[in-house]
Amino acid sequence: MTTTGLNSANCDSRLSGYNCYVEVIIQQPQTPLLSSLFMSTGPTITTRAVGWANTAAASTGCVVALNHHAPRAMQNSGSGTLTFNGCSVYSNSDASDGIYVSGSGQMNSRAAYVVGHISGTVNTSQGSYTGVNPISDPYANVAVPSSSTTCGGWSNWANGNNGIRLNSGDVANLYPSAAGGTCAIPHDVQLSGGTLNLCPGVYVFNSGSNLQVTSTSVINAPPQDGPTPPATTPTMTNNGNSPCPANDRSGGVTIVFANSGGNPGAPSVSGTPTINMVAPTSGATSGIAMFQQRTTCGGNGNNSCNASLAGGSTQNINGAIYFPNNQINYSGGSSTSGYQCTQLIADTINYTGGSTFASQCQDSGTQTINLTNGTLVM
């Protein structure tokens, strides 16, 4: 192949010459029409593309938009600053604005990788790369958990099909029947104040049930003794009054939104709540804090399955927020002491305010997000 304009220094040391480049040439002879008056044969139209195979792994990521074609698949539509200095962002969209940053917003990351192009400014320390191969879904092989056994403690607070409603001063403790097991949330959970403690385990919101959190509500999932992750109130020990059974005081929590017969539910977080979540570090949902089943509920995220996590700076989630088939609207979230690993993987992602993610995920049970990068260079 012709190597004019290509840099052999880009090639891995294990490859010789320009063998890290792949060239595709397409030629199509055309039938002469008017040109047959002065040409014996028709013209041949030729097009050429060159791809560069970079065998080095790309920078570790913490944010992935999985949709392959959506415009603004990852966007900062507000005026806030997105800070991902410890990790990189990935967009699988081949659109001209696969990553979009509004004129008044800012995005700072270690690196940015997009199949299509970037519209707006992304500030990176290790570069922005367009025309890359799409990244694989890091949690594609994780099965959606299921359960028909209602969580312990549910009957203390539930009001029939109205589910659980907590107001200021209310404290509800839920737990699986077996330590670290899986249990069902059969109806909506709404917090307009009060505290919801989820003991270690997997909580499946069945039949499209939703989690609605507003005001100054608190979710401890699970409660923690401290100092790392930060202690919650109440703590696991709490002077002998632990919110969790004695045999269920270690491990993390996964919240699952599922519906075997239709669209799954979703979380809706607004106001100034405090959300402390730590995902399990082992087991079937290792590393996943929130998980919505793989059902697409409409076009390009415009549907009732959209998740909204706009809980401000006290939204501390250690693990992956995983909504592979639908949009998530996200605002806030900070990495405080003990909450050093936040991943966000969704079909499309709309940031509406400032957010800060850290990516020190070595002991968090999460999957590593990176790829062996291939780039269209010509």
Protein backbone atom coordinates (compact mmCIF):
# COMPACT_ATOMS: atom_id res chain seq x y z
CA MET A 1 0.00 0.00 0.00
CA THR A 2 1.01 3.61 -0.40
CA THR A 3 2.49 4.98 2.81
CA THR A 4 2.69 8.65 1.93
CA GLY A 5 1.80 10.73 4.95
CA LEU A 6 1.79 7.78 7.35
CA ASN A 7 4.15 7.67 10.32
CA SER A 8 5.89 4.34 10.90
CA ALA A 9 6.73 5.49 14.44
CA ASN A 10 3.08 4.79 15.29
CA CYS A 11 3.60 1.09 14.72
CA ASP A 12 4.12 -1.24 17.63
CA SER A 13 7.71 -2.48 17.98
CA ARG A 14 6.45 -6.01 17.34
CA LEU A 15 5.33 -4.96 13.85
CA SER A 16 7.68 -4.18 10.98
CA GLY A 17 7.44 -1.33 8.53
CA TYR A 18 3.93 -0.10 7.96
CA ASN A 19 2.22 -3.39 8.75
CA CYS A 20 0.16 -1.70 11.46
CA TYR A 21 -1.82 0.05 8.72
CA VAL A 22 -4.65 -1.56 6.76
CA GLU A 23 -5.63 -0.05 3.42
CA VAL A 24 -8.96 -0.60 1.64
CA ILE A 25 -9.38 0.58 -1.98
CA ILE A 26 -12.76 0.34 -3.72
CA GLN A 27 -12.97 0.83 -7.49
CA GLN A 28 -16.15 0.91 -9.56
CA PRO A 29 -16.10 1.26 -13.37
CA GLN A 30 -18.87 3.52 -14.63
CA THR A 31 -20.94 3.06 -17.79
CA PRO A 32 -20.13 5.89 -20.23
CA LEU A 33 -23.12 8.05 -21.10
CA LEU A 34 -22.43 11.47 -22.57
CA SER A 35 -18.70 10.75 -22.17
CA SER A 36 -19.02 7.95 -24.78
CA LEU A 37 -18.97 10.65 -27.45
CA PHE A 38 -15.28 11.26 -26.77
CA MET A 39 -14.15 8.31 -24.56
CA SER A 40 -13.91 4.66 -25.57
CA THR A 41 -14.43 3.45 -21.98
CA GLY A 42 -16.18 4.91 -18.95
CA PRO A 43 -14.36 6.42 -15.94
CA THR A 44 -13.44 4.41 -12.84
CA ILE A 45 -14.35 5.91 -9.48
CA THR A 46 -11.91 5.07 -6.70
CA THR A 47 -12.08 5.64 -2.96
CA ARG A 48 -9.48 4.77 -0.30
CA ALA A 49 -9.48 4.36 3.47
CA VAL A 50 -6.57 3.61 5.78
CA GLY A 51 -6.90 2.32 9.33
CA TRP A 52 -4.17 2.37 11.95
CA ALA A 53 -4.03 -0.61 14.33
CA ASN A 54 -2.66 0.61 17.62
CA THR A 55 -1.95 -2.48 19.75
CA ALA A 56 -1.60 -0.50 22.97
CA ALA A 57 -4.59 -0.43 25.33
CA ALA A 58 -6.39 2.88 25.55
CA SER A 59 -6.63 4.81 28.80
CA THR A 60 -8.89 3.33 31.48
CA GLY A 61 -12.39 4.79 31.27
CA CYS A 62 -15.19 5.57 33.70
CA VAL A 63 -17.95 6.81 31.35
CA VAL A 64 -19.29 4.97 28.27
CA ALA A 65 -22.15 5.87 25.90
CA LEU A 66 -22.99 2.60 24.13
CA ASN A 67 -25.35 3.82 21.37
CA HIS A 68 -23.73 3.46 17.94
CA HIS A 69 -25.56 6.19 16.03
CA ALA A 70 -27.31 8.66 18.35
CA PRO A 71 -26.40 12.34 17.98
CA ARG A 72 -25.06 13.74 21.25
CA ALA A 73 -24.84 10.23 22.67
CA MET A 74 -22.72 11.73 25.45
CA GLN A 75 -23.45 15.35 26.14
CA ASN A 76 -22.97 18.09 28.67
CA SER A 77 -26.13 20.07 28.01
CA GLY A 78 -25.75 22.34 31.03
CA SER A 79 -23.26 24.94 32.12
CA GLY A 80 -21.50 22.79 34.72
CA THR A 81 -18.02 21.30 34.68
CA LEU A 82 -17.52 17.56 34.25
CA THR A 83 -14.30 16.39 35.89
CA PHE A 84 -12.91 12.98 34.99
CA ASN A 85 -9.22 13.72 35.53
CA GLY A 86 -8.50 10.22 36.77
CA CYS A 87 -10.18 8.41 33.88
CA SER A 88 -11.32 8.65 30.27
CA VAL A 89 -14.65 8.91 28.43
CA TYR A 90 -15.87 6.73 25.54
CA SER A 91 -18.66 7.22 23.01
CA ASN A 92 -19.58 4.51 20.51
CA SER A 93 -21.66 6.93 18.43
CA ASP A 94 -20.51 7.54 14.86
CA ALA A 95 -22.36 10.88 14.75
CA SER A 96 -20.59 14.16 14.06
CA ASP A 97 -21.42 15.09 17.67
CA GLY A 98 -20.96 11.67 19.29
CA ILE A 99 -19.56 13.66 22.22
CA TYR A 100 -21.17 17.06 22.61
CA VAL A 101 -20.23 19.86 25.00
CA SER A 102 -22.37 22.99 25.02
CA GLY A 103 -20.71 26.37 24.67
CA SER A 104 -21.02 27.20 28.36
CA GLY A 105 -20.19 23.72 29.69
CA GLN A 106 -16.81 22.13 30.30
CA MET A 107 -15.51 18.57 30.17
CA ASN A 108 -12.12 17.62 31.60
CA SER A 109 -10.88 14.04 31.29
CA ARG A 110 -7.72 12.03 30.99
CA ALA A 111 -8.62 11.15 27.38
CA ALA A 112 -11.67 11.03 25.09
CA TYR A 113 -12.42 8.30 22.55
CA VAL A 114 -15.31 8.55 20.06
CA VAL A 115 -16.23 6.54 16.98
CA GLY A 116 -17.54 9.69 15.31
CA HIS A 117 -16.50 13.20 16.25
CA ILE A 118 -16.50 15.70 19.10
CA SER A 119 -18.56 18.90 19.02
CA GLY A 120 -17.35 21.45 21.53
CA THR A 121 -14.25 21.37 23.71
CA VAL A 122 -13.04 18.42 25.74
CA ASN A 123 -9.90 19.18 27.74
CA THR A 124 -7.69 16.12 28.08
CA SER A 125 -4.24 15.35 29.44
CA GLN A 126 -3.70 12.36 27.12
CA GLY A 127 -5.51 13.46 23.97
CA SER A 128 -8.84 13.18 22.15
CA TYR A 129 -9.25 10.43 19.55
CA THR A 130 -11.91 10.29 16.83
CA GLY A 131 -12.62 7.48 14.37
CA VAL A 132 -11.81 4.78 16.93
CA ASN A 133 -13.36 1.34 17.10
CA PRO A 134 -16.42 1.04 19.36
CA ILE A 135 -15.75 -0.27 22.84
CA SER A 136 -17.47 -3.45 24.03
CA ASP A 137 -20.07 -3.31 26.79
CA PRO A 138 -18.00 -4.23 29.87
CA TYR A 139 -20.99 -5.84 31.62
CA ALA A 140 -22.65 -7.50 28.61
CA ASN A 141 -22.26 -10.98 30.09
CA VAL A 142 -23.92 -10.18 33.43
CA ALA A 143 -27.37 -11.76 33.68
CA VAL A 144 -30.24 -9.68 35.05
CA PRO A 145 -30.99 -10.93 38.61
CA SER A 146 -34.53 -11.99 39.48
CA SER A 147 -36.47 -12.77 42.65
CA SER A 148 -40.07 -13.32 43.74
CA THR A 149 -39.29 -13.32 47.46
CA THR A 150 -40.26 -9.99 49.01
CA CYS A 151 -37.51 -8.33 51.02
CA GLY A 152 -37.59 -8.60 54.79
CA GLY A 153 -38.90 -5.47 56.50
CA TRP A 154 -41.16 -4.58 53.55
CA SER A 155 -44.42 -5.32 55.38
CA ASN A 156 -43.47 -2.91 58.19
CA TRP A 157 -43.77 0.05 55.82
CA ALA A 158 -45.69 -1.00 52.71
CA ASN A 159 -49.17 0.31 52.06
CA GLY A 160 -50.52 -2.30 49.66
CA ASN A 161 -49.90 -1.57 45.99
CA ASN A 162 -48.84 1.96 46.95
CA GLY A 163 -45.49 0.56 48.07
CA ILE A 164 -43.34 2.38 50.60
CA ARG A 165 -43.59 6.10 51.27
CA LEU A 166 -41.08 7.59 53.72
CA ASN A 167 -41.30 11.07 55.15
CA SER A 168 -39.01 13.03 57.42
CA GLY A 169 -38.09 11.01 60.50
CA ASP A 170 -39.07 7.64 59.04
CA VAL A 171 -36.41 4.90 58.97
CA ALA A 172 -37.05 1.71 56.97
CA ASN A 173 -34.67 -1.28 57.00
CA LEU A 174 -34.87 -3.85 54.19
CA TYR A 175 -32.88 -7.07 53.90
CA PRO A 176 -32.86 -10.37 51.95
CA SER A 177 -33.92 -13.58 53.68
CA ALA A 178 -30.41 -14.99 53.30
CA ALA A 179 -27.29 -12.97 54.06
CA GLY A 180 -26.14 -11.19 50.91
CA GLY A 181 -28.98 -12.81 48.94
CA THR A 182 -31.51 -11.50 46.44
CA CYS A 183 -35.00 -10.20 47.26
CA ALA A 184 -37.89 -8.47 45.50
CA ILE A 185 -39.24 -4.93 45.76
CA PRO A 186 -42.82 -5.48 44.49
CA HIS A 187 -43.97 -1.84 44.26
CA ASP A 188 -42.61 1.70 44.14
CA VAL A 189 -40.39 3.14 46.85
CA GLN A 190 -40.73 6.89 47.38
CA LEU A 191 -38.60 8.92 49.78
CA SER A 192 -39.75 12.45 50.57
CA GLY A 193 -37.44 12.57 53.57
CA GLY A 194 -36.52 9.80 55.97
CA THR A 195 -33.88 7.08 55.67
CA LEU A 196 -33.87 3.83 53.69
CA ASN A 197 -31.30 1.25 54.80
CA LEU A 198 -30.59 -1.59 52.39
CA CYS A 199 -28.58 -4.39 54.00
CA PRO A 200 -26.01 -6.23 51.84
CA GLY A 201 -27.65 -8.03 48.93
CA VAL A 202 -29.38 -7.60 45.57
CA TYR A 203 -32.71 -5.70 45.46
CA VAL A 204 -34.87 -6.34 42.39
CA PHE A 205 -37.53 -3.70 41.68
CA ASN A 206 -40.07 -5.92 39.91
CA SER A 207 -42.92 -5.15 37.48
CA GLY A 208 -41.63 -1.74 36.51
CA SER A 209 -41.42 -0.45 40.08
CA ASN A 210 -39.56 2.83 40.52
CA LEU A 211 -37.29 4.41 43.11
CA GLN A 212 -38.13 8.08 43.72
CA VAL A 213 -35.89 10.12 46.01
CA THR A 214 -36.41 13.80 46.80
CA SER A 215 -35.85 16.37 49.52
CA THR A 216 -33.24 15.56 52.18
CA SER A 217 -33.80 11.80 52.06
CA VAL A 218 -31.01 9.35 52.87
CA ILE A 219 -30.22 5.99 51.31
CA ASN A 220 -27.56 3.82 52.95
CA ALA A 221 -26.85 0.85 50.71
CA PRO A 222 -25.49 -0.71 52.81
CA PRO A 223 -25.03 1.12 56.15
CA GLN A 224 -21.33 1.44 56.97
CA ASP A 225 -19.28 1.47 60.15
CA GLY A 226 -16.43 3.52 58.68
CA PRO A 227 -13.89 4.90 58.42
CA THR A 228 -13.66 3.69 54.81
CA PRO A 229 -16.18 3.93 53.25
CA PRO A 230 -17.45 6.82 55.39
CA ALA A 231 -19.65 5.81 58.29
CA THR A 232 -23.38 6.25 57.82
CA THR A 233 -26.13 6.92 60.34
CA PRO A 234 -27.09 4.43 61.60
CA THR A 235 -23.94 2.36 61.28
CA MET A 236 -23.88 -1.43 61.10
CA THR A 237 -22.99 -1.72 64.77
CA ASN A 238 -24.94 1.27 66.10
CA ASN A 239 -24.36 0.24 69.74
CA GLY A 240 -26.08 -3.08 69.22
CA ASN A 241 -29.01 -1.65 67.25
CA SER A 242 -27.79 -2.47 63.76
CA PRO A 243 -30.38 -1.98 60.97
CA CYS A 244 -29.29 -5.33 59.50
CA PRO A 245 -29.54 -8.92 60.79
CA ALA A 246 -26.47 -10.11 62.65
CA ASN A 247 -25.49 -12.50 59.84
CA ASP A 248 -25.87 -9.88 57.10
CA ARG A 249 -23.43 -7.14 57.94
CA SER A 250 -20.79 -7.41 55.22
CA GLY A 251 -20.85 -6.97 51.47
CA GLY A 252 -22.30 -4.47 49.04
CA VAL A 253 -25.64 -3.68 47.40
CA THR A 254 -26.94 -3.89 43.83
CA ILE A 255 -30.26 -2.24 42.93
CA VAL A 256 -31.88 -3.83 39.87
CA PHE A 257 -34.78 -2.43 37.82
CA ALA A 258 -36.57 -5.28 36.04
CA ASN A 259 -39.90 -6.29 34.54
CA SER A 260 -40.36 -9.71 32.98
CA GLY A 261 -43.52 -8.60 31.17
CA GLY A 262 -42.72 -5.07 30.06
CA ASN A 263 -40.67 -1.95 30.61
CA PRO A 264 -38.46 -1.80 33.71
CA GLY A 265 -38.64 0.94 36.27
CA ALA A 266 -35.94 3.51 36.91
CA PRO A 267 -34.53 5.75 39.64
CA SER A 268 -35.52 9.40 39.89
CA VAL A 269 -33.33 11.43 42.24
CA SER A 270 -33.71 15.18 42.79
CA GLY A 271 -33.38 17.75 45.53
CA THR A 272 -30.58 17.38 48.06
CA PRO A 273 -30.66 13.75 49.20
CA THR A 274 -27.70 11.78 50.49
CA ILE A 275 -27.09 8.53 48.63
CA ASN A 276 -24.34 6.25 49.87
CA MET A 277 -23.94 3.13 47.73
CA VAL A 278 -21.20 0.51 47.63
CA ALA A 279 -21.49 -2.28 45.06
CA PRO A 280 -20.58 -5.90 45.85
CA THR A 281 -16.95 -6.79 45.19
CA SER A 282 -17.79 -10.39 44.27
CA GLY A 283 -20.68 -12.51 43.07
CA ALA A 284 -22.96 -12.32 40.04
CA THR A 285 -23.34 -8.52 40.19
CA SER A 286 -19.78 -7.75 41.21
CA GLY A 287 -18.98 -4.06 40.78
CA ILE A 288 -22.54 -3.05 39.78
CA ALA A 289 -24.38 -0.60 42.03
CA MET A 290 -27.42 0.01 39.78
CA PHE A 291 -28.56 -2.20 36.90
CA GLN A 292 -31.52 -1.74 34.55
CA GLN A 293 -32.58 -4.74 32.46
CA ARG A 294 -31.77 -4.69 28.75
CA THR A 295 -35.11 -3.50 27.39
CA THR A 296 -35.25 -0.56 25.00
CA CYS A 297 -38.33 1.47 25.91
CA GLY A 298 -38.40 3.90 22.98
CA GLY A 299 -36.32 5.81 20.47
CA ASN A 300 -33.10 7.51 21.48
CA GLY A 301 -33.88 7.53 25.18
CA ASN A 302 -37.17 9.43 24.96
CA ASN A 303 -39.18 7.07 27.13
CA SER A 304 -40.39 6.27 30.63
CA CYS A 305 -37.37 4.05 31.31
CA ASN A 306 -35.02 7.01 31.51
CA ALA A 307 -33.07 7.24 34.73
CA SER A 308 -32.49 10.57 36.42
CA LEU A 309 -29.77 10.90 39.05
CA ALA A 310 -29.60 14.58 39.91
CA GLY A 311 -28.76 14.31 43.57
CA GLY A 312 -26.03 16.91 43.86
CA SER A 313 -22.65 16.50 45.48
CA THR A 314 -23.91 14.10 48.19
CA GLN A 315 -24.56 11.37 45.62
CA ASN A 316 -21.77 8.96 46.48
CA ILE A 317 -21.92 5.77 44.43
CA ASN A 318 -19.00 3.35 44.50
CA GLY A 319 -19.37 0.99 41.54
CA ALA A 320 -21.01 0.93 38.11
CA ILE A 321 -24.29 2.65 37.23
CA TYR A 322 -25.38 0.45 34.33
CA PHE A 323 -28.35 1.29 32.05
CA PRO A 324 -27.30 -0.33 28.75
CA ASN A 325 -30.47 0.21 26.68
CA ASN A 326 -31.78 3.57 27.85
CA GLN A 327 -30.75 7.13 28.58
CA ILE A 328 -29.57 8.39 31.92
CA ASN A 329 -29.73 12.03 32.99
CA TYR A 330 -27.00 12.69 35.51
CA SER A 331 -26.04 15.65 37.64
CA GLY A 332 -23.85 15.91 40.67
CA GLY A 333 -21.97 13.11 42.31
CA SER A 334 -18.60 13.43 43.96
CA SER A 335 -15.84 11.08 44.97
CA THR A 336 -15.27 11.46 48.67
CA SER A 337 -13.04 9.50 51.01
CA GLY A 338 -13.85 5.84 50.56
CA TYR A 339 -15.91 6.35 47.37
CA GLN A 340 -13.15 6.27 44.81
CA CYS A 341 -14.69 4.28 41.94
CA THR A 342 -17.63 5.56 39.91
CA GLN A 343 -18.50 4.19 36.46
CA LEU A 344 -21.42 5.29 34.29
CA ILE A 345 -22.40 3.06 31.36
CA ALA A 346 -25.63 3.78 29.47
CA ASP A 347 -27.13 3.83 25.99
CA THR A 348 -26.97 7.63 25.98
CA ILE A 349 -25.83 10.00 28.72
CA ASN A 350 -27.04 13.54 29.34
CA TYR A 351 -25.14 15.54 31.95
CA THR A 352 -27.16 18.49 33.21
CA GLY A 353 -24.77 19.82 35.84
CA GLY A 354 -21.31 19.44 37.27
CA SER A 355 -20.00 15.98 38.15
CA THR A 356 -16.74 14.57 39.46
CA PHE A 357 -15.74 10.93 39.03
CA ALA A 358 -12.74 9.05 40.36
CA SER A 359 -11.53 5.75 38.97
CA GLN A 360 -9.46 4.01 41.63
CA CYS A 361 -11.31 0.76 41.05
CA GLN A 362 -8.69 -1.89 41.80
CA ASP A 363 -10.61 -3.41 44.73
CA SER A 364 -14.16 -2.46 43.74
CA GLY A 365 -15.12 -5.57 41.74
CA THR A 366 -15.78 -3.50 38.62
CA GLN A 367 -14.80 -4.38 35.05
CA THR A 368 -11.92 -2.51 33.43
CA ILE A 369 -13.02 -0.13 30.70
CA ASN A 370 -10.52 0.24 27.85
CA LEU A 371 -9.90 -0.96 24.31
CA THR A 372 -7.12 -1.80 21.89
CA ASN A 373 -7.44 1.21 19.72
CA GLY A 374 -7.88 1.29 15.95
CA THR A 375 -8.23 4.65 14.21
CA LEU A 376 -9.26 5.80 10.73
CA VAL A 377 -6.36 7.99 9.62
CA MET A 378 -6.95 8.57 5.92
